[in-house]
Amino acid sequence: MERGHYYSNSPLLQQFQRNLIQGASTVTSLADSLFDWTVALNNNQAADNIYVDLSKAFGVVCRKLVMKLRSLGISDNLLAWLESYLETEV
């Protein structure tokens, strides 16, 4: 399963992580965040964000770890996504 397919079929990712979808950009994500912050501040609400850069996160993960995750019962869909990520990024 390719990452794009996983992202586009996940309702949670579609709603909150549009920047992971092909064709979206960091600028789009920042504009969305700015809008959300403005709405929250205008309504006297808190605005929290978490930014994670995974661009190098899996560069040191070995295939044995993927096999161990499988033996621990991690779902095939998640493992397929992880393997796709490793093949693309490493």
Protein backbone atom coordinates (compact mmCIF):
# COMPACT_ATOMS: atom_id res chain seq x y z
CA MET A 1 0.00 0.00 0.00
CA GLU A 2 1.48 3.34 -0.99
CA ARG A 3 1.51 6.28 1.41
CA GLY A 4 -0.69 8.41 -0.86
CA HIS A 5 -3.38 5.73 -0.86
CA TYR A 6 -3.19 5.41 2.94
CA TYR A 7 -3.42 9.18 3.45
CA SER A 8 -6.30 9.67 1.04
CA ASN A 9 -8.34 6.87 2.64
CA SER A 10 -7.89 7.96 6.25
CA PRO A 11 -10.68 10.29 7.45
CA LEU A 12 -8.54 11.56 10.34
CA LEU A 13 -5.67 12.45 8.05
CA GLN A 14 -7.99 14.05 5.53
CA GLN A 15 -9.44 16.31 8.18
CA PHE A 16 -6.36 17.29 10.17
CA GLN A 17 -3.27 16.61 8.07
CA ARG A 18 -4.03 17.91 4.62
CA ASN A 19 -0.37 18.74 4.10
CA LEU A 20 0.37 15.01 3.75
CA ILE A 21 -1.88 14.71 0.72
CA GLN A 22 -0.25 14.89 -2.72
CA GLY A 23 -0.75 18.31 -4.30
CA ALA A 24 -0.95 20.18 -0.99
CA SER A 25 1.99 22.23 0.22
CA THR A 26 3.60 23.61 3.35
CA VAL A 27 2.20 27.03 2.42
CA THR A 28 -1.32 25.59 2.29
CA SER A 29 -0.81 23.99 5.68
CA LEU A 30 0.50 27.22 7.21
CA ALA A 31 -2.41 29.20 5.76
CA ASP A 32 -4.85 26.68 7.24
CA SER A 33 -3.07 26.91 10.60
CA LEU A 34 -3.16 30.71 10.54
CA PHE A 35 -6.90 30.62 9.86
CA ASP A 36 -7.47 28.14 12.71
CA TRP A 37 -5.37 30.24 15.11
CA THR A 38 -7.28 33.40 14.17
CA VAL A 39 -10.67 31.74 14.71
CA ALA A 40 -9.53 30.31 18.06
CA LEU A 41 -8.12 33.62 19.29
CA ASN A 42 -11.23 35.52 18.18
CA ASN A 43 -13.30 33.07 20.24
CA ASN A 44 -10.96 33.33 23.27
CA GLN A 45 -9.87 29.72 22.79
CA ALA A 46 -6.43 28.17 22.96
CA ALA A 47 -4.67 27.19 19.76
CA ASP A 48 -2.18 24.31 19.86
CA ASN A 49 -0.11 22.87 17.05
CA ILE A 50 2.31 20.01 16.78
CA TYR A 51 4.81 19.91 13.94
CA VAL A 52 6.69 16.70 13.23
CA ASP A 53 9.40 16.28 10.62
CA LEU A 54 9.69 12.62 9.68
CA SER A 55 11.92 13.19 6.67
CA LYS A 56 14.89 11.37 8.29
CA ALA A 57 13.09 9.46 11.03
CA PHE A 58 13.15 6.04 9.39
CA GLY A 59 16.54 6.24 7.71
CA VAL A 60 18.08 4.04 10.39
CA VAL A 61 15.26 1.52 10.83
CA CYS A 62 16.26 -1.96 9.74
CA ARG A 63 14.01 -4.53 8.07
CA LYS A 64 14.34 -6.81 11.10
CA LEU A 65 12.35 -4.25 13.08
CA VAL A 66 9.54 -4.40 10.53
CA MET A 67 9.48 -8.18 10.86
CA LYS A 68 9.44 -7.90 14.65
CA LEU A 69 6.51 -5.48 14.45
CA ARG A 70 4.66 -8.01 12.30
CA SER A 71 5.32 -10.76 14.85
CA LEU A 72 3.92 -8.48 17.57
CA GLY A 73 0.64 -8.19 15.69
CA ILE A 74 0.96 -4.79 14.01
CA SER A 75 -1.62 -4.61 11.21
CA ASP A 76 -0.63 -5.46 7.65
CA ASN A 77 -1.90 -2.07 6.40
CA LEU A 78 0.34 -0.17 8.81
CA LEU A 79 3.32 -2.37 7.99
CA ALA A 80 2.71 -1.95 4.26
CA TRP A 81 2.67 1.82 4.74
CA LEU A 82 5.88 1.68 6.78
CA GLU A 83 7.61 -0.53 4.20
CA SER A 84 6.50 1.81 1.41
CA TYR A 85 7.90 4.73 3.36
CA LEU A 86 11.21 2.96 3.94
CA GLU A 87 11.56 2.00 0.28
CA THR A 88 10.85 5.56 -0.83
CA GLU A 89 12.87 7.46 1.76
CA VAL A 90 15.93 5.29 2.36
